[in-house]
Amino acid sequence: MGGTTIIDGSRRTEVRRQWCVLAAALVAALATGVVGVSTAAARGLVTGFSDNALFDPTSVNPSSRAMWLERAVGARAGIIRITVNWRASVASHPPANPTNPADAAYQFGHLDEAVRSARAHGLQVMLTVYRAPSWAEGRHKPRRIEDGAWKPDPVKYGQFGEALARRYSGHFQGLPRVRYFEAWTEPNLTQFLAPQWKGKKKYAPKRYRALLNRFYAGVHAVQPDATVIGGATSPFGDSRKHPLYPAHPRMRPITFLQTALCLNGKFRRTKCKNKPHLDALSAHPLNFFNPPHYVPYNKNDIQVAVFRRVRKVLRAAKRAGTLRPRGHHALWVTEEGLLSDPPNPKGVRPKKHARWLEESLYMLWKQGASVVMNLQIRDVAYDPHHVPSGQFTTGIYFHDGKPKPALRAWRFPFVTHRKSKRRVSAWGKAPQSGDLLIQQKRHGHWRTRKRVAIHAGQVFRPSFRLRGSATLRARLGKAKSLSWHQAR
């Protein structure tokens, strides 16, 4: 199996322990603002996974979850995303005391198990909370709107956030602490938050701001130093007049974020009764079919190459004074992914998939991302009878458990780019501590061009003299990156 090739023999436990300590320290730095967008040279990169089929509470048996958490650690992940379906976490009637996690209406058993397992493997956890129960939705829900999306009640959502933060505060019934909470997912899509518009007026961003603020207040009432992540927008939207899916219109992500953060289309302050509160801003620049350098035709959509658009919104809100609390706000990517072929004919071949993945990590980091989570650690089971574009073959493992080249790229990303005719700069993330060797392949042999002492998990950026094209790689002990072709 692919997992046994990651960490061998007696070194498994110690290597895993060291990596878990490092990942926890990096994520803690993000939460406290130690790591800043403006200090790119010093900023690290925490990587992780979002995989509903393997990590979520009711999706998999405990032994299988443990195996895939082990592989996540082996892939040098520091955090995983667990989605919490609010609708499925409570009974059909509202709790008598909604901020009390011990209320009889709450059904947290499976979630407890998922959180315990992830934390036992040394992984940090981010809980993404969405889908309102029927008693917390608005009245007169249209027939075509999905359950849990229609005008969710911000007050009740905040109460549920407080209950979650209290349950996973580290002081409740021996449960481990969770300190990262994401408010909703892809709220610019009708399938998750509806309606998007009321006539000509934007409705969803304002409702989302109310949800976010109540959720922020609920979480911070219990854990003042927790990190609440807002945004989580999908990459594309449509014109209000010409939606791609007429029954489920989508708002363009930058437009949605501008409105939610009290900005107009020119990034200037608008009148807002309540300023948005968050600790980090997230987005989903899912490329799926596109190379990392692809630029969407609409300036209000997001792909990897233009993730800076999210940073621009964040900076504009800070300048305008519309964002609370004051101080540092990190940028997170809570879903990113590319389709691979096999098994999906809409994807790219595995070696190109791996190269694009590590290049995406570099480009997202360069544009300010401090956390990047890949959508899926393992491919979904591909069904040739269904639409390929809706099947997420974005994992670093195939569905049968065999590793893709992307596993190596994720564990030890390495890319280079030319600074001048005579110099090249390398970028990557170290899978372990030691002497990092940047090597060039010449006449069938690898020759060292640069040597740098480095710590496990550190983002490295050495430069060195190089004229012309070359095949390069990074090496740390026995660990080797994929080779990278540097053009002239």
Protein backbone atom coordinates (compact mmCIF):
# COMPACT_ATOMS: atom_id res chain seq x y z
CA MET A 1 0.00 0.00 0.00
CA GLY A 2 1.13 3.58 -0.69
CA GLY A 3 1.17 4.55 2.99
CA THR A 4 3.98 2.14 3.92
CA THR A 5 6.37 3.86 1.53
CA ILE A 6 6.06 7.22 3.29
CA ILE A 7 7.76 6.59 6.63
CA ASP A 8 9.61 3.37 7.15
CA GLY A 9 9.98 1.07 10.14
CA SER A 10 10.87 2.35 13.60
CA ARG A 11 11.23 5.95 12.41
CA ARG A 12 7.47 6.27 11.73
CA THR A 13 6.37 7.35 15.22
CA GLU A 14 9.21 9.80 15.86
CA VAL A 15 9.01 11.44 12.43
CA ARG A 16 5.27 11.77 12.77
CA ARG A 17 5.63 13.31 16.25
CA GLN A 18 8.15 15.88 15.02
CA TRP A 19 5.95 16.82 12.09
CA CYS A 20 2.86 17.16 14.22
CA VAL A 21 4.63 19.50 16.66
CA LEU A 22 5.89 21.59 13.74
CA ALA A 23 2.49 21.76 12.04
CA ALA A 24 0.79 22.76 15.27
CA ALA A 25 3.33 25.53 15.81
CA LEU A 26 2.86 26.86 12.29
CA VAL A 27 -0.90 26.89 12.50
CA ALA A 28 -0.76 28.52 15.94
CA ALA A 29 1.43 31.24 14.44
CA LEU A 30 -1.20 31.87 11.79
CA ALA A 31 -3.93 32.24 14.38
CA THR A 32 -2.03 34.70 16.54
CA GLY A 33 -0.85 36.83 13.65
CA VAL A 34 2.85 35.96 14.07
CA VAL A 35 2.94 35.00 10.41
CA GLY A 36 2.00 37.93 8.18
CA VAL A 37 1.05 38.36 4.56
CA SER A 38 3.48 41.27 4.30
CA THR A 39 6.47 39.22 5.45
CA ALA A 40 6.56 36.69 2.64
CA ALA A 41 10.23 35.86 3.21
CA ALA A 42 9.49 34.59 6.73
CA ARG A 43 5.96 33.26 6.15
CA GLY A 44 5.49 29.52 6.26
CA LEU A 45 2.94 27.34 4.53
CA VAL A 46 0.67 24.87 6.31
CA THR A 47 -0.80 22.22 4.02
CA GLY A 48 -3.75 19.94 4.64
CA PHE A 49 -6.70 18.09 3.17
CA SER A 50 -10.46 18.39 2.87
CA ASP A 51 -12.06 15.00 2.22
CA ASN A 52 -15.68 14.40 3.20
CA ALA A 53 -15.54 10.73 2.24
CA LEU A 54 -12.68 9.95 4.63
CA PHE A 55 -12.53 12.50 7.44
CA ASP A 56 -16.11 13.59 8.09
CA PRO A 57 -18.05 12.20 11.06
CA THR A 58 -20.43 9.66 9.48
CA SER A 59 -18.62 8.83 6.26
CA VAL A 60 -16.17 6.04 7.06
CA ASN A 61 -15.34 3.36 9.61
CA PRO A 62 -12.77 4.30 12.28
CA SER A 63 -10.00 1.98 11.06
CA SER A 64 -10.19 3.33 7.51
CA ARG A 65 -10.22 6.92 8.80
CA ALA A 66 -7.16 6.20 10.93
CA MET A 67 -5.29 4.79 7.92
CA TRP A 68 -5.99 7.89 5.84
CA LEU A 69 -5.12 10.23 8.68
CA GLU A 70 -1.82 8.37 8.91
CA ARG A 71 -1.29 8.99 5.22
CA ALA A 72 -2.17 12.65 5.65
CA VAL A 73 0.58 12.90 8.28
CA GLY A 74 2.93 11.07 5.92
CA ALA A 75 2.08 13.62 3.24
CA ARG A 76 3.28 16.30 5.68
CA ALA A 77 -0.18 17.72 6.36
CA GLY A 78 -0.59 19.91 9.41
CA ILE A 79 -4.38 20.34 9.35
CA ILE A 80 -7.53 18.69 8.03
CA ARG A 81 -10.95 20.10 7.33
CA ILE A 82 -14.03 18.42 8.79
CA THR A 83 -17.39 19.67 7.57
CA VAL A 84 -20.10 19.86 10.21
CA ASN A 85 -23.63 19.55 8.87
CA TRP A 86 -25.58 21.63 11.40
CA ARG A 87 -28.80 20.06 10.15
CA ALA A 88 -27.54 16.53 10.88
CA SER A 89 -26.00 17.48 14.24
CA VAL A 90 -29.30 18.19 15.97
CA ALA A 91 -32.64 16.50 16.41
CA SER A 92 -35.74 17.55 14.47
CA HIS A 93 -36.61 19.96 17.28
CA PRO A 94 -34.46 22.85 18.58
CA PRO A 95 -32.32 22.34 21.69
CA ALA A 96 -33.69 23.68 24.97
CA ASN A 97 -30.32 25.31 25.70
CA PRO A 98 -28.65 25.83 22.30
CA THR A 99 -25.28 27.04 23.64
CA ASN A 100 -24.92 23.97 25.86
CA PRO A 101 -23.16 21.16 23.95
CA ALA A 102 -24.60 18.61 26.37
CA ASP A 103 -28.19 19.47 25.40
CA ALA A 104 -30.13 16.31 24.60
CA ALA A 105 -31.04 17.57 21.12
CA TYR A 106 -27.41 17.55 19.99
CA GLN A 107 -25.97 14.47 18.31
CA PHE A 108 -22.20 14.89 18.44
CA GLY A 109 -21.04 11.30 18.90
CA HIS A 110 -19.66 10.76 15.39
CA LEU A 111 -18.08 14.20 15.31
CA ASP A 112 -16.38 13.54 18.65
CA GLU A 113 -14.85 10.39 17.19
CA ALA A 114 -13.62 12.18 14.06
CA VAL A 115 -12.05 15.02 16.06
CA ARG A 116 -10.43 12.66 18.57
CA SER A 117 -8.91 10.58 15.79
CA ALA A 118 -7.46 13.57 13.93
CA ARG A 119 -6.00 15.13 17.06
CA ALA A 120 -4.57 11.76 18.16
CA HIS A 121 -2.59 11.79 14.91
CA GLY A 122 -1.25 15.23 15.80
CA LEU A 123 -3.30 17.01 13.14
CA GLN A 124 -5.00 20.32 13.72
CA VAL A 125 -8.70 20.41 12.81
CA MET A 126 -10.79 23.07 11.12
CA LEU A 127 -14.57 22.66 11.49
CA THR A 128 -16.62 24.08 8.61
CA VAL A 129 -20.21 24.55 9.76
CA TYR A 130 -23.10 24.83 7.30
CA ARG A 131 -26.68 23.71 6.40
CA ALA A 132 -29.34 24.93 8.81
CA PRO A 133 -31.94 22.60 10.38
CA SER A 134 -35.52 23.20 9.29
CA TRP A 135 -36.36 25.17 12.45
CA ALA A 136 -33.47 27.58 11.74
CA GLU A 137 -34.41 28.29 8.10
CA GLY A 138 -36.60 31.06 6.77
CA ARG A 139 -40.25 30.54 5.96
CA HIS A 140 -41.68 29.62 2.54
CA LYS A 141 -38.64 27.84 1.16
CA PRO A 142 -39.01 27.31 -2.61
CA ARG A 143 -39.25 23.72 -3.76
CA ARG A 144 -36.00 23.72 -5.72
CA ILE A 145 -33.85 25.14 -2.93
CA GLU A 146 -31.75 22.55 -1.13
CA ASP A 147 -32.40 21.81 2.52
CA GLY A 148 -30.44 23.98 4.92
CA ALA A 149 -29.73 26.84 2.49
CA TRP A 150 -32.84 29.06 2.74
CA LYS A 151 -32.33 32.20 4.84
CA PRO A 152 -30.55 30.52 7.78
CA ASP A 153 -31.07 32.21 11.13
CA PRO A 154 -27.89 34.09 12.21
CA VAL A 155 -28.76 34.07 15.93
CA LYS A 156 -29.31 30.31 16.02
CA TYR A 157 -26.18 29.77 13.93
CA GLY A 158 -24.16 31.77 16.44
CA GLN A 159 -25.57 29.71 19.30
CA PHE A 160 -24.55 26.52 17.54
CA GLY A 161 -21.06 27.96 16.98
CA GLU A 162 -20.79 28.67 20.71
CA ALA A 163 -21.87 25.11 21.53
CA LEU A 164 -19.21 23.70 19.18
CA ALA A 165 -16.48 25.96 20.57
CA ARG A 166 -17.42 24.97 24.11
CA ARG A 167 -17.53 21.25 23.31
CA TYR A 168 -14.11 21.37 21.68
CA SER A 169 -12.52 23.88 24.06
CA GLY A 170 -10.27 21.26 25.62
CA HIS A 171 -12.28 21.48 28.87
CA PHE A 172 -15.38 19.44 28.08
CA GLN A 173 -15.71 15.72 28.87
CA GLY A 174 -12.07 15.05 27.98
CA LEU A 175 -12.52 16.03 24.33
CA PRO A 176 -9.55 17.61 22.52
CA ARG A 177 -9.43 21.25 21.58
CA VAL A 178 -10.35 22.60 18.15
CA ARG A 179 -9.33 26.20 17.56
CA TYR A 180 -10.21 26.70 13.87
CA PHE A 181 -13.80 27.29 12.78
CA GLU A 182 -14.94 28.19 9.26
CA ALA A 183 -18.28 29.93 8.83
CA TRP A 184 -20.30 28.17 6.10
CA THR A 185 -19.01 26.96 2.73
CA GLU A 186 -19.35 28.51 -0.73
CA PRO A 187 -22.01 31.02 0.32
CA ASN A 188 -21.96 32.57 -3.17
CA LEU A 189 -23.80 29.49 -4.50
CA THR A 190 -27.57 29.10 -4.22
CA GLN A 191 -27.16 25.43 -3.28
CA PHE A 192 -25.55 26.53 0.00
CA LEU A 193 -27.07 29.95 0.69
CA ALA A 194 -30.30 31.23 -0.84
CA PRO A 195 -31.52 33.45 -2.23
CA GLN A 196 -28.46 35.07 -3.78
CA TRP A 197 -30.46 38.10 -4.96
CA LYS A 198 -33.79 39.67 -4.07
CA GLY A 199 -34.79 41.36 -7.28
CA LYS A 200 -31.81 43.53 -8.19
CA LYS A 201 -30.41 43.64 -4.66
CA LYS A 202 -27.65 41.35 -3.40
CA TYR A 203 -29.12 39.34 -0.54
CA ALA A 204 -26.72 36.46 0.21
CA PRO A 205 -23.62 38.56 1.12
CA LYS A 206 -25.58 40.55 3.71
CA ARG A 207 -27.15 37.43 5.18
CA TYR A 208 -23.71 35.83 5.22
CA ARG A 209 -22.23 38.82 7.08
CA ALA A 210 -24.92 38.39 9.76
CA LEU A 211 -24.20 34.64 9.97
CA LEU A 212 -20.45 35.26 10.17
CA ASN A 213 -20.74 37.90 12.89
CA ARG A 214 -23.01 35.80 15.10
CA PHE A 215 -20.79 32.76 14.57
CA TYR A 216 -17.68 34.80 15.39
CA ALA A 217 -19.26 36.10 18.58
CA GLY A 218 -20.40 32.62 19.62
CA VAL A 219 -17.00 30.98 19.08
CA HIS A 220 -15.04 33.82 20.71
CA ALA A 221 -17.37 33.91 23.72
CA VAL A 222 -15.86 30.55 24.68
CA GLN A 223 -12.44 30.61 23.00
CA PRO A 224 -11.16 34.20 22.74
CA ASP A 225 -8.00 33.04 20.94
CA ALA A 226 -9.77 30.79 18.43
CA THR A 227 -9.51 31.50 14.69
CA VAL A 228 -12.76 32.10 12.81
CA ILE A 229 -12.35 31.84 9.04
CA GLY A 230 -14.81 33.63 6.79
CA GLY A 231 -15.36 33.65 3.04
CA ALA A 232 -14.96 30.11 1.64
CA THR A 233 -16.26 31.29 -1.73
CA SER A 234 -16.41 29.05 -4.80
CA PRO A 235 -14.20 30.10 -7.74
CA PHE A 236 -16.81 31.16 -10.29
CA GLY A 237 -20.12 32.99 -10.53
CA ASP A 238 -22.45 34.37 -13.17
CA SER A 239 -24.18 37.50 -14.27
CA ARG A 240 -27.41 37.98 -12.36
CA LYS A 241 -29.30 38.20 -15.66
CA HIS A 242 -27.62 35.21 -17.30
CA PRO A 243 -26.97 32.43 -14.76
CA LEU A 244 -25.36 29.22 -15.97
CA TYR A 245 -27.76 27.28 -13.74
CA PRO A 246 -31.07 29.21 -13.80
CA ALA A 247 -32.49 27.35 -10.80
CA HIS A 248 -29.28 27.88 -8.80
CA PRO A 249 -27.68 31.24 -9.68
CA ARG A 250 -24.16 31.95 -8.47
CA MET A 251 -22.70 35.29 -7.41
CA ARG A 252 -19.16 36.00 -8.54
CA PRO A 253 -16.81 35.44 -5.58
CA ILE A 254 -15.10 38.84 -5.58
CA THR A 255 -18.45 40.60 -5.86
CA PHE A 256 -19.73 38.51 -2.97
CA LEU A 257 -16.69 39.22 -0.79
CA GLN A 258 -16.76 42.94 -1.53
CA THR A 259 -20.39 43.20 -0.45
CA ALA A 260 -19.91 40.98 2.61
CA LEU A 261 -16.94 43.11 3.70
CA CYS A 262 -18.82 46.38 3.20
CA LEU A 263 -17.07 47.47 -0.01
CA ASN A 264 -18.45 48.55 -3.38
CA GLY A 265 -17.27 47.44 -6.81
CA LYS A 266 -14.46 50.02 -6.65
CA PHE A 267 -13.19 48.63 -3.32
CA ARG A 268 -14.45 51.64 -1.38
CA ARG A 269 -16.37 51.67 1.87
CA THR A 270 -20.15 51.39 1.83
CA LYS A 271 -22.65 51.95 4.60
CA CYS A 272 -22.82 48.90 6.85
CA LYS A 273 -24.88 48.60 9.99
CA ASN A 274 -22.59 45.88 11.35
CA LYS A 275 -18.95 45.51 10.32
CA PRO A 276 -17.82 41.96 9.42
CA HIS A 277 -15.78 40.06 12.04
CA LEU A 278 -13.25 37.36 11.12
CA ASP A 279 -9.69 36.28 11.89
CA ALA A 280 -8.83 34.85 8.47
CA LEU A 281 -10.33 35.10 4.99
CA SER A 282 -10.67 31.98 2.85
CA ALA A 283 -11.50 31.15 -0.77
CA HIS A 284 -11.64 28.10 -3.07
CA PRO A 285 -9.56 28.83 -6.21
CA LEU A 286 -10.31 25.36 -7.59
CA ASN A 287 -8.67 25.04 -11.01
CA PHE A 288 -9.97 21.53 -11.86
CA PHE A 289 -9.37 21.74 -15.65
CA ASN A 290 -7.04 24.73 -15.87
CA PRO A 291 -3.26 25.11 -15.50
CA PRO A 292 -2.00 27.23 -12.59
CA HIS A 293 -1.36 30.26 -14.82
CA TYR A 294 -4.91 30.33 -16.22
CA VAL A 295 -6.59 33.73 -15.81
CA PRO A 296 -10.42 33.72 -15.86
CA TYR A 297 -12.00 36.15 -18.30
CA ASN A 298 -14.09 37.85 -15.60
CA LYS A 299 -12.19 40.00 -13.10
CA ASN A 300 -14.52 38.92 -10.28
CA ASP A 301 -13.78 35.18 -10.54
CA ILE A 302 -10.89 33.44 -8.77
CA GLN A 303 -8.30 30.93 -9.93
CA VAL A 304 -4.83 30.16 -8.60
CA ALA A 305 -3.14 32.70 -10.88
CA VAL A 306 -5.32 35.53 -9.55
CA PHE A 307 -5.68 34.59 -5.89
CA ARG A 308 -4.26 38.06 -5.25
CA ARG A 309 -7.80 39.31 -5.98
CA VAL A 310 -8.85 37.89 -2.61
CA ARG A 311 -5.90 39.62 -0.96
CA LYS A 312 -6.93 42.86 -2.64
CA VAL A 313 -10.42 42.64 -1.11
CA LEU A 314 -8.94 41.93 2.32
CA ARG A 315 -6.50 44.83 2.14
CA ALA A 316 -9.20 47.20 0.87
CA ALA A 317 -11.48 46.30 3.78
CA LYS A 318 -8.66 46.91 6.24
CA ARG A 319 -7.86 50.30 4.67
CA ALA A 320 -11.53 51.26 4.68
CA GLY A 321 -11.84 50.30 8.34
CA THR A 322 -14.74 47.94 7.70
CA LEU A 323 -13.10 44.79 9.07
CA ARG A 324 -12.98 43.71 12.71
CA PRO A 325 -10.98 42.99 14.75
CA ARG A 326 -8.10 45.24 13.77
CA GLY A 327 -4.71 43.70 13.16
CA HIS A 328 -3.49 40.82 11.07
CA HIS A 329 -5.90 38.63 9.07
CA ALA A 330 -4.42 35.55 7.38
CA LEU A 331 -5.41 34.24 3.95
CA TRP A 332 -6.48 30.59 3.74
CA VAL A 333 -7.25 28.31 0.82
CA THR A 334 -9.65 25.74 2.25
CA GLU A 335 -10.21 23.94 -1.07
CA GLU A 336 -7.84 23.68 -4.02
CA GLY A 337 -7.54 20.86 -6.52
CA LEU A 338 -6.85 19.64 -10.06
CA LEU A 339 -8.43 16.67 -11.85
CA SER A 340 -6.14 13.87 -12.99
CA ASP A 341 -6.46 11.39 -15.88
CA PRO A 342 -6.69 8.53 -15.17
CA PRO A 343 -9.37 8.11 -14.14
CA ASN A 344 -11.06 11.33 -15.26
CA PRO A 345 -10.82 12.22 -18.98
CA LYS A 346 -11.35 15.88 -18.05
CA GLY A 347 -8.09 15.84 -16.09
CA VAL A 348 -4.40 15.89 -16.99
CA ARG A 349 -1.88 13.06 -16.90
CA PRO A 350 -0.47 12.23 -13.44
CA LYS A 351 2.99 13.74 -13.98
CA LYS A 352 1.57 17.03 -15.23
CA HIS A 353 -0.99 16.91 -12.42
CA ALA A 354 1.87 16.69 -9.91
CA ARG A 355 3.82 19.56 -11.51
CA TRP A 356 0.76 21.78 -11.62
CA LEU A 357 -0.03 20.97 -8.00
CA GLU A 358 3.36 22.02 -6.65
CA GLU A 359 3.37 25.08 -8.88
CA SER A 360 -0.08 25.97 -7.50
CA LEU A 361 1.28 25.74 -3.95
CA TYR A 362 4.07 28.16 -4.85
CA MET A 363 1.76 30.61 -6.60
CA LEU A 364 -0.79 30.61 -3.78
CA TRP A 365 1.95 31.11 -1.17
CA LYS A 366 3.48 33.93 -3.24
CA GLN A 367 0.10 35.68 -3.33
CA GLY A 368 -0.31 35.53 0.43
CA ALA A 369 -1.83 32.14 1.35
CA SER A 370 -0.62 30.76 4.66
CA VAL A 371 -2.75 27.59 4.61
CA VAL A 372 -3.64 25.48 1.56
CA MET A 373 -5.88 22.41 1.70
CA ASN A 374 -6.21 20.02 -1.21
CA LEU A 375 -9.72 18.87 -2.04
CA GLN A 376 -9.47 15.09 -1.44
CA ILE A 377 -6.52 13.06 -0.29
CA ARG A 378 -7.93 10.11 -2.27
CA ASP A 379 -9.89 10.23 -5.53
CA VAL A 380 -13.59 9.53 -5.43
CA ALA A 381 -14.65 6.29 -7.11
CA TYR A 382 -14.95 7.31 -10.76
CA ASP A 383 -18.17 6.40 -12.56
CA PRO A 384 -17.87 6.60 -16.38
CA HIS A 385 -21.65 6.85 -16.67
CA HIS A 386 -21.74 10.19 -14.83
CA VAL A 387 -20.55 13.66 -15.88
CA PRO A 388 -16.74 13.74 -15.50
CA SER A 389 -16.58 17.37 -14.38
CA GLY A 390 -18.59 16.60 -11.24
CA GLN A 391 -16.30 13.82 -10.04
CA PHE A 392 -13.45 14.99 -7.85
CA THR A 393 -10.43 12.98 -8.95
CA THR A 394 -8.27 15.60 -7.27
CA GLY A 395 -6.53 13.41 -4.69
CA ILE A 396 -2.85 12.63 -4.29
CA TYR A 397 -3.87 8.96 -4.16
CA PHE A 398 -5.96 7.03 -6.66
CA HIS A 399 -9.18 5.55 -5.30
CA ASP A 400 -7.53 2.11 -4.95
CA GLY A 401 -4.97 3.58 -2.55
CA LYS A 402 -2.02 3.75 -4.95
CA PRO A 403 -0.08 7.01 -4.70
CA LYS A 404 0.04 9.43 -7.60
CA PRO A 405 3.18 11.42 -8.44
CA ALA A 406 1.26 14.22 -6.72
CA LEU A 407 2.03 12.64 -3.34
CA ARG A 408 5.71 13.36 -3.84
CA ALA A 409 4.95 16.86 -5.07
CA TRP A 410 2.77 17.58 -2.03
CA ARG A 411 5.29 16.20 0.49
CA PHE A 412 8.27 17.92 -1.08
CA PRO A 413 7.16 20.68 -3.47
CA PHE A 414 9.94 22.20 -5.56
CA VAL A 415 9.78 24.73 -8.40
CA THR A 416 12.23 27.21 -9.89
CA HIS A 417 11.93 30.41 -11.84
CA ARG A 418 14.43 32.60 -13.61
CA LYS A 419 15.40 35.90 -11.96
CA SER A 420 17.80 36.99 -14.70
CA LYS A 421 19.85 35.49 -17.52
CA ARG A 422 22.43 34.42 -14.95
CA ARG A 423 20.41 33.58 -11.84
CA VAL A 424 17.59 31.21 -10.90
CA SER A 425 15.51 31.17 -7.71
CA ALA A 426 14.14 27.96 -6.21
CA TRP A 427 11.08 27.57 -3.98
CA GLY A 428 9.86 24.64 -1.93
CA LYS A 429 8.93 23.26 1.45
CA ALA A 430 11.29 20.94 3.33
CA PRO A 431 9.93 17.52 4.34
CA GLN A 432 12.63 17.13 7.02
CA SER A 433 15.60 18.90 8.57
CA GLY A 434 19.10 18.73 7.17
CA ASP A 435 21.23 19.98 4.30
CA LEU A 436 19.05 20.89 1.32
CA LEU A 437 20.79 20.22 -1.98
CA ILE A 438 19.66 21.92 -5.18
CA GLN A 439 20.94 19.67 -7.95
CA GLN A 440 21.26 19.85 -11.73
CA LYS A 441 21.21 16.83 -14.02
CA ARG A 442 24.13 16.82 -16.45
CA HIS A 443 25.27 13.92 -18.60
CA GLY A 444 23.05 11.53 -16.64
CA HIS A 445 24.38 12.55 -13.20
CA TRP A 446 23.03 14.88 -10.52
CA ARG A 447 25.46 17.60 -9.48
CA THR A 448 24.89 19.92 -6.51
CA ARG A 449 24.54 23.61 -7.38
CA LYS A 450 23.47 24.96 -3.96
CA ARG A 451 23.57 23.68 -0.37
CA VAL A 452 21.39 25.18 2.40
CA ALA A 453 20.86 24.10 6.03
CA ILE A 454 17.12 23.88 6.63
CA HIS A 455 14.49 22.87 9.20
CA ALA A 456 11.56 20.51 8.67
CA GLY A 457 8.54 22.32 7.24
CA GLN A 458 10.51 25.43 6.35
CA VAL A 459 9.73 27.26 3.12
CA PHE A 460 13.03 27.72 1.28
CA ARG A 461 13.92 30.27 -1.43
CA PRO A 462 17.62 30.03 -2.33
CA SER A 463 18.96 31.49 -5.57
CA PHE A 464 22.01 30.42 -7.53
CA ARG A 465 23.88 31.07 -10.75
CA LEU A 466 22.54 29.25 -13.80
CA ARG A 467 22.65 30.12 -17.48
CA GLY A 468 20.52 28.38 -20.07
CA SER A 469 17.95 25.65 -19.55
CA ALA A 470 18.41 22.88 -17.00
CA THR A 471 16.76 19.94 -15.26
CA LEU A 472 16.79 20.56 -11.51
CA ARG A 473 15.65 18.90 -8.30
CA ALA A 474 15.92 19.26 -4.53
CA ARG A 475 17.26 16.59 -2.19
CA LEU A 476 17.22 16.23 1.60
CA GLY A 477 18.89 13.08 2.79
CA LYS A 478 17.06 10.29 0.96
CA ALA A 479 14.06 12.48 0.14
CA LYS A 480 14.02 13.77 -3.44
CA SER A 481 11.62 16.16 -5.08
CA LEU A 482 10.25 15.67 -8.55
CA SER A 483 12.54 17.11 -11.22
CA TRP A 484 11.75 20.55 -12.59
CA HIS A 485 12.66 21.87 -16.03
CA GLN A 486 13.97 25.40 -15.93
CA ALA A 487 13.80 27.24 -19.25
CA ARG A 488 16.44 29.65 -20.50
